[in-house]
Amino acid sequence: MSADIIERIDRILKDKNMTQRDLARKMGRSDAVVSRWTSGFPNLTLRSIAELSVALEEPLIEVVKR
């Protein structure tokens, strides 16, 4: 699942003509932190996924309610 999320982040960045550096600045994070997140090391946490979703203004995962 982590690889799918990272792929989605890359796709959104390309669609929005953004770089990882742009994303880091928008999030108030260092380039290194965003680089680690988008390379999958360490594994993404729910908090980091939520922060990335807000910054990208796109959902990265969907929760199915039953």
PDB file of N, CA and C in Angstrom:
ATOM      1  N   MET A   1       0.829  -1.192   0.000  1.00  0.00           N
ATOM      2  CA  MET A   1       0.000   0.000   0.000  1.00  0.00           C
ATOM      3  C   MET A   1       0.873   1.256   0.000  1.00  0.00           C
ATOM      4  N   SER A   2       1.986   1.195   0.724  1.00  0.00           N
ATOM      5  CA  SER A   2       2.883   2.350   0.797  1.00  0.00           C
ATOM      6  C   SER A   2       3.371   2.756  -0.591  1.00  0.00           C
ATOM      7  N   ALA A   3       3.724   1.774  -1.409  1.00  0.00           N
ATOM      8  CA  ALA A   3       4.202   2.062  -2.769  1.00  0.00           C
ATOM      9  C   ALA A   3       3.102   2.719  -3.598  1.00  0.00           C
ATOM     10  N   ASP A   4       1.858   2.294  -3.410  1.00  0.00           N
ATOM     11  CA  ASP A   4       0.736   2.893  -4.130  1.00  0.00           C
ATOM     12  C   ASP A   4       0.530   4.349  -3.723  1.00  0.00           C
ATOM     13  N   ILE A   5       0.676   4.620  -2.434  1.00  0.00           N
ATOM     14  CA  ILE A   5       0.517   5.997  -1.941  1.00  0.00           C
ATOM     15  C   ILE A   5       1.631   6.881  -2.495  1.00  0.00           C
ATOM     16  N   ILE A   6       2.844   6.371  -2.492  1.00  0.00           N
ATOM     17  CA  ILE A   6       3.977   7.134  -3.017  1.00  0.00           C
ATOM     18  C   ILE A   6       3.782   7.414  -4.507  1.00  0.00           C
ATOM     19  N   GLU A   7       3.296   6.419  -5.227  1.00  0.00           N
ATOM     20  CA  GLU A   7       3.016   6.607  -6.655  1.00  0.00           C
ATOM     21  C   GLU A   7       1.953   7.678  -6.864  1.00  0.00           C
ATOM     22  N   ARG A   8       0.929   7.669  -6.003  1.00  0.00           N
ATOM     23  CA  ARG A   8      -0.134   8.681  -6.101  1.00  0.00           C
ATOM     24  C   ARG A   8       0.420  10.077  -5.814  1.00  0.00           C
ATOM     25  N   ILE A   9       1.276  10.199  -4.822  1.00  0.00           N
ATOM     26  CA  ILE A   9       1.899  11.495  -4.521  1.00  0.00           C
ATOM     27  C   ILE A   9       2.668  11.985  -5.736  1.00  0.00           C
ATOM     28  N   ASP A  10       3.472  11.119  -6.333  1.00  0.00           N
ATOM     29  CA  ASP A  10       4.238  11.499  -7.526  1.00  0.00           C
ATOM     30  C   ASP A  10       3.325  11.962  -8.654  1.00  0.00           C
ATOM     31  N   ARG A  11       2.235  11.228  -8.858  1.00  0.00           N
ATOM     32  CA  ARG A  11       1.286  11.590  -9.912  1.00  0.00           C
ATOM     33  C   ARG A  11       0.651  12.961  -9.648  1.00  0.00           C
ATOM     34  N   ILE A  12       0.247  13.191  -8.403  1.00  0.00           N
ATOM     35  CA  ILE A  12      -0.368  14.481  -8.055  1.00  0.00           C
ATOM     36  C   ILE A  12       0.632  15.609  -8.245  1.00  0.00           C
ATOM     37  N   LEU A  13       1.863  15.404  -7.803  1.00  0.00           N
ATOM     38  CA  LEU A  13       2.885  16.427  -7.978  1.00  0.00           C
ATOM     39  C   LEU A  13       3.064  16.764  -9.455  1.00  0.00           C
ATOM     40  N   LYS A  14       3.130  15.754 -10.300  1.00  0.00           N
ATOM     41  CA  LYS A  14       3.282  15.992 -11.742  1.00  0.00           C
ATOM     42  C   LYS A  14       2.072  16.725 -12.302  1.00  0.00           C
ATOM     43  N   ASP A  15       0.872  16.282 -11.910  1.00  0.00           N
ATOM     44  CA  ASP A  15      -0.355  16.924 -12.400  1.00  0.00           C
ATOM     45  C   ASP A  15      -0.432  18.392 -11.999  1.00  0.00           C
ATOM     46  N   LYS A  16       0.104  18.713 -10.834  1.00  0.00           N
ATOM     47  CA  LYS A  16       0.051  20.089 -10.322  1.00  0.00           C
ATOM     48  C   LYS A  16       1.326  20.869 -10.639  1.00  0.00           C
ATOM     49  N   ASN A  17       2.213  20.265 -11.428  1.00  0.00           N
ATOM     50  CA  ASN A  17       3.494  20.901 -11.769  1.00  0.00           C
ATOM     51  C   ASN A  17       4.239  21.363 -10.526  1.00  0.00           C
ATOM     52  N   MET A  18       4.263  20.502  -9.529  1.00  0.00           N
ATOM     53  CA  MET A  18       4.951  20.788  -8.270  1.00  0.00           C
ATOM     54  C   MET A  18       6.151  19.863  -8.127  1.00  0.00           C
ATOM     55  N   THR A  19       7.148  20.341  -7.409  1.00  0.00           N
ATOM     56  CA  THR A  19       8.290  19.507  -7.059  1.00  0.00           C
ATOM     57  C   THR A  19       8.155  19.076  -5.607  1.00  0.00           C
ATOM     58  N   GLN A  20       9.000  18.148  -5.206  1.00  0.00           N
ATOM     59  CA  GLN A  20       9.024  17.772  -3.793  1.00  0.00           C
ATOM     60  C   GLN A  20       9.418  18.972  -2.945  1.00  0.00           C
ATOM     61  N   ARG A  21      10.280  19.809  -3.452  1.00  0.00           N
ATOM     62  CA  ARG A  21      10.683  21.023  -2.728  1.00  0.00           C
ATOM     63  C   ARG A  21       9.482  21.953  -2.536  1.00  0.00           C
ATOM     64  N   ASP A  22       8.657  22.113  -3.575  1.00  0.00           N
ATOM     65  CA  ASP A  22       7.438  22.925  -3.452  1.00  0.00           C
ATOM     66  C   ASP A  22       6.538  22.365  -2.359  1.00  0.00           C
ATOM     67  N   LEU A  23       6.390  21.050  -2.360  1.00  0.00           N
ATOM     68  CA  LEU A  23       5.545  20.394  -1.364  1.00  0.00           C
ATOM     69  C   LEU A  23       6.112  20.602   0.036  1.00  0.00           C
ATOM     70  N   ALA A  24       7.405  20.446   0.183  1.00  0.00           N
ATOM     71  CA  ALA A  24       8.051  20.641   1.491  1.00  0.00           C
ATOM     72  C   ALA A  24       7.809  22.060   2.001  1.00  0.00           C
ATOM     73  N   ARG A  25       7.968  23.030   1.140  1.00  0.00           N
ATOM     74  CA  ARG A  25       7.763  24.428   1.555  1.00  0.00           C
ATOM     75  C   ARG A  25       6.313  24.678   1.938  1.00  0.00           C
ATOM     76  N   LYS A  26       5.393  24.115   1.161  1.00  0.00           N
ATOM     77  CA  LYS A  26       3.968  24.291   1.461  1.00  0.00           C
ATOM     78  C   LYS A  26       3.614  23.688   2.812  1.00  0.00           C
ATOM     79  N   MET A  27       4.308  22.589   3.165  1.00  0.00           N
ATOM     80  CA  MET A  27       4.031  21.901   4.421  1.00  0.00           C
ATOM     81  C   MET A  27       4.840  22.457   5.589  1.00  0.00           C
ATOM     82  N   GLY A  28       5.809  23.332   5.305  1.00  0.00           N
ATOM     83  CA  GLY A  28       6.670  23.831   6.374  1.00  0.00           C
ATOM     84  C   GLY A  28       7.623  22.760   6.866  1.00  0.00           C
ATOM     85  N   ARG A  29       7.987  21.842   5.983  1.00  0.00           N
ATOM     86  CA  ARG A  29       8.883  20.739   6.309  1.00  0.00           C
ATOM     87  C   ARG A  29      10.167  20.883   5.510  1.00  0.00           C
ATOM     88  N   SER A  30      11.172  20.153   5.929  1.00  0.00           N
ATOM     89  CA  SER A  30      12.429  20.188   5.190  1.00  0.00           C
ATOM     90  C   SER A  30      12.308  19.333   3.926  1.00  0.00           C
ATOM     91  N   ASP A  31      13.141  19.653   2.956  1.00  0.00           N
ATOM     92  CA  ASP A  31      13.184  18.849   1.733  1.00  0.00           C
ATOM     93  C   ASP A  31      13.499  17.395   2.065  1.00  0.00           C
ATOM     94  N   ALA A  32      14.372  17.184   3.044  1.00  0.00           N
ATOM     95  CA  ALA A  32      14.796  15.831   3.414  1.00  0.00           C
ATOM     96  C   ALA A  32      13.627  14.999   3.938  1.00  0.00           C
ATOM     97  N   VAL A  33      12.774  15.610   4.746  1.00  0.00           N
ATOM     98  CA  VAL A  33      11.621  14.877   5.294  1.00  0.00           C
ATOM     99  C   VAL A  33      10.695  14.444   4.163  1.00  0.00           C
ATOM    100  N   VAL A  34      10.368  15.349   3.269  1.00  0.00           N
ATOM    101  CA  VAL A  34       9.474  15.015   2.157  1.00  0.00           C
ATOM    102  C   VAL A  34      10.137  13.980   1.248  1.00  0.00           C
ATOM    103  N   SER A  35      11.414  14.102   1.029  1.00  0.00           N
ATOM    104  CA  SER A  35      12.138  13.116   0.220  1.00  0.00           C
ATOM    105  C   SER A  35      12.055  11.724   0.841  1.00  0.00           C
ATOM    106  N   ARG A  36      12.220  11.648   2.157  1.00  0.00           N
ATOM    107  CA  ARG A  36      12.109  10.342   2.832  1.00  0.00           C
ATOM    108  C   ARG A  36      10.700   9.793   2.697  1.00  0.00           C
ATOM    109  N   TRP A  37       9.702  10.650   2.901  1.00  0.00           N
ATOM    110  CA  TRP A  37       8.318  10.195   2.781  1.00  0.00           C
ATOM    111  C   TRP A  37       8.033   9.671   1.388  1.00  0.00           C
ATOM    112  N   THR A  38       8.513  10.373   0.365  1.00  0.00           N
ATOM    113  CA  THR A  38       8.187   9.986  -1.003  1.00  0.00           C
ATOM    114  C   THR A  38       9.083   8.875  -1.531  1.00  0.00           C
ATOM    115  N   SER A  39      10.046   8.457  -0.736  1.00  0.00           N
ATOM    116  CA  SER A  39      10.850   7.302  -1.126  1.00  0.00           C
ATOM    117  C   SER A  39      10.414   6.065  -0.339  1.00  0.00           C
ATOM    118  N   GLY A  40       9.533   6.268   0.632  1.00  0.00           N
ATOM    119  CA  GLY A  40       9.008   5.144   1.403  1.00  0.00           C
ATOM    120  C   GLY A  40       9.830   4.772   2.610  1.00  0.00           C
ATOM    121  N   PHE A  41      10.793   5.595   2.969  1.00  0.00           N
ATOM    122  CA  PHE A  41      11.608   5.296   4.150  1.00  0.00           C
ATOM    123  C   PHE A  41      11.648   6.514   5.040  1.00  0.00           C
ATOM    124  N   PRO A  42      11.230   6.459   6.257  1.00  0.00           N
ATOM    125  CA  PRO A  42      10.561   5.306   6.874  1.00  0.00           C
ATOM    126  C   PRO A  42       9.139   5.188   6.356  1.00  0.00           C
ATOM    127  N   ASN A  43       8.453   4.140   6.737  1.00  0.00           N
ATOM    128  CA  ASN A  43       7.075   3.970   6.300  1.00  0.00           C
ATOM    129  C   ASN A  43       6.247   5.179   6.686  1.00  0.00           C
ATOM    130  N   LEU A  44       5.288   5.498   5.839  1.00  0.00           N
ATOM    131  CA  LEU A  44       4.399   6.628   6.100  1.00  0.00           C
ATOM    132  C   LEU A  44       3.491   6.306   7.288  1.00  0.00           C
ATOM    133  N   THR A  45       3.246   7.304   8.107  1.00  0.00           N
ATOM    134  CA  THR A  45       2.293   7.164   9.204  1.00  0.00           C
ATOM    135  C   THR A  45       0.961   7.750   8.754  1.00  0.00           C
ATOM    136  N   LEU A  46      -0.083   7.466   9.489  1.00  0.00           N
ATOM    137  CA  LEU A  46      -1.382   8.064   9.168  1.00  0.00           C
ATOM    138  C   LEU A  46      -1.304   9.582   9.263  1.00  0.00           C
ATOM    139  N   ARG A  47      -0.552  10.070  10.224  1.00  0.00           N
ATOM    140  CA  ARG A  47      -0.396  11.517  10.377  1.00  0.00           C
ATOM    141  C   ARG A  47       0.292  12.125   9.151  1.00  0.00           C
ATOM    142  N   SER A  48       1.377  11.503   8.681  1.00  0.00           N
ATOM    143  CA  SER A  48       2.080  12.056   7.526  1.00  0.00           C
ATOM    144  C   SER A  48       1.214  11.967   6.268  1.00  0.00           C
ATOM    145  N   ILE A  49       0.457  10.892   6.119  1.00  0.00           N
ATOM    146  CA  ILE A  49      -0.459  10.772   4.980  1.00  0.00           C
ATOM    147  C   ILE A  49      -1.499  11.888   5.029  1.00  0.00           C
ATOM    148  N   ALA A  50      -2.035  12.155   6.213  1.00  0.00           N
ATOM    149  CA  ALA A  50      -3.019  13.230   6.366  1.00  0.00           C
ATOM    150  C   ALA A  50      -2.410  14.592   6.035  1.00  0.00           C
ATOM    151  N   GLU A  51      -1.204  14.843   6.520  1.00  0.00           N
ATOM    152  CA  GLU A  51      -0.526  16.113   6.231  1.00  0.00           C
ATOM    153  C   GLU A  51      -0.277  16.265   4.730  1.00  0.00           C
ATOM    154  N   LEU A  52       0.166  15.196   4.111  1.00  0.00           N
ATOM    155  CA  LEU A  52       0.406  15.237   2.668  1.00  0.00           C
ATOM    156  C   LEU A  52      -0.893  15.476   1.901  1.00  0.00           C
ATOM    157  N   SER A  53      -1.975  14.826   2.303  1.00  0.00           N
ATOM    158  CA  SER A  53      -3.271  15.002   1.652  1.00  0.00           C
ATOM    159  C   SER A  53      -3.734  16.452   1.717  1.00  0.00           C
ATOM    160  N   VAL A  54      -3.579  17.054   2.878  1.00  0.00           N
ATOM    161  CA  VAL A  54      -3.986  18.455   3.045  1.00  0.00           C
ATOM    162  C   VAL A  54      -3.144  19.361   2.155  1.00  0.00           C
ATOM    163  N   ALA A  55      -1.833  19.160   2.170  1.00  0.00           N
ATOM    164  CA  ALA A  55      -0.939  20.009   1.385  1.00  0.00           C
ATOM    165  C   ALA A  55      -1.185  19.839  -0.117  1.00  0.00           C
ATOM    166  N   LEU A  56      -1.466  18.618  -0.544  1.00  0.00           N
ATOM    167  CA  LEU A  56      -1.703  18.352  -1.963  1.00  0.00           C
ATOM    168  C   LEU A  56      -3.137  18.665  -2.385  1.00  0.00           C
ATOM    169  N   GLU A  57      -4.006  18.865  -1.395  1.00  0.00           N
ATOM    170  CA  GLU A  57      -5.422  19.128  -1.636  1.00  0.00           C
ATOM    171  C   GLU A  57      -6.062  17.993  -2.432  1.00  0.00           C
ATOM    172  N   GLU A  58      -5.603  16.783  -2.129  1.00  0.00           N
ATOM    173  CA  GLU A  58      -6.103  15.569  -2.779  1.00  0.00           C
ATOM    174  C   GLU A  58      -6.075  14.434  -1.765  1.00  0.00           C
ATOM    175  N   PRO A  59      -7.061  13.550  -1.794  1.00  0.00           N
ATOM    176  CA  PRO A  59      -7.014  12.385  -0.917  1.00  0.00           C
ATOM    177  C   PRO A  59      -5.951  11.410  -1.396  1.00  0.00           C
ATOM    178  N   LEU A  60      -5.235  10.812  -0.467  1.00  0.00           N
ATOM    179  CA  LEU A  60      -4.252   9.804  -0.822  1.00  0.00           C
ATOM    180  C   LEU A  60      -4.770   8.407  -0.556  1.00  0.00           C
ATOM    181  N   ILE A  61      -5.686   8.293   0.397  1.00  0.00           N
ATOM    182  CA  ILE A  61      -6.341   7.012   0.672  1.00  0.00           C
ATOM    183  C   ILE A  61      -7.818   7.279   0.939  1.00  0.00           C
ATOM    184  N   GLU A  62      -8.618   6.252   0.772  1.00  0.00           N
ATOM    185  CA  GLU A  62     -10.027   6.351   1.085  1.00  0.00           C
ATOM    186  C   GLU A  62     -10.358   5.264   2.100  1.00  0.00           C
ATOM    187  N   VAL A  63     -11.147   5.622   3.080  1.00  0.00           N
ATOM    188  CA  VAL A  63     -11.586   4.664   4.080  1.00  0.00           C
ATOM    189  C   VAL A  63     -12.998   4.250   3.730  1.00  0.00           C
ATOM    190  N   VAL A  64     -13.194   2.961   3.619  1.00  0.00           N
ATOM    191  CA  VAL A  64     -14.498   2.425   3.287  1.00  0.00           C
ATOM    192  C   VAL A  64     -15.249   2.116   4.571  1.00  0.00           C
ATOM    193  N   LYS A  65     -16.417   2.716   4.706  1.00  0.00           N
ATOM    194  CA  LYS A  65     -17.250   2.459   5.885  1.00  0.00           C
ATOM    195  C   LYS A  65     -18.273   1.394   5.523  1.00  0.00           C
ATOM    196  N   ARG A  66     -18.473   0.485   6.450  1.00  0.00           N
ATOM    197  CA  ARG A  66     -19.459  -0.595   6.204  1.00  0.00           C
ATOM    198  C   ARG A  66     -20.543  -0.555   7.229  1.00  0.00           C
TER     199      ARG A  66
END
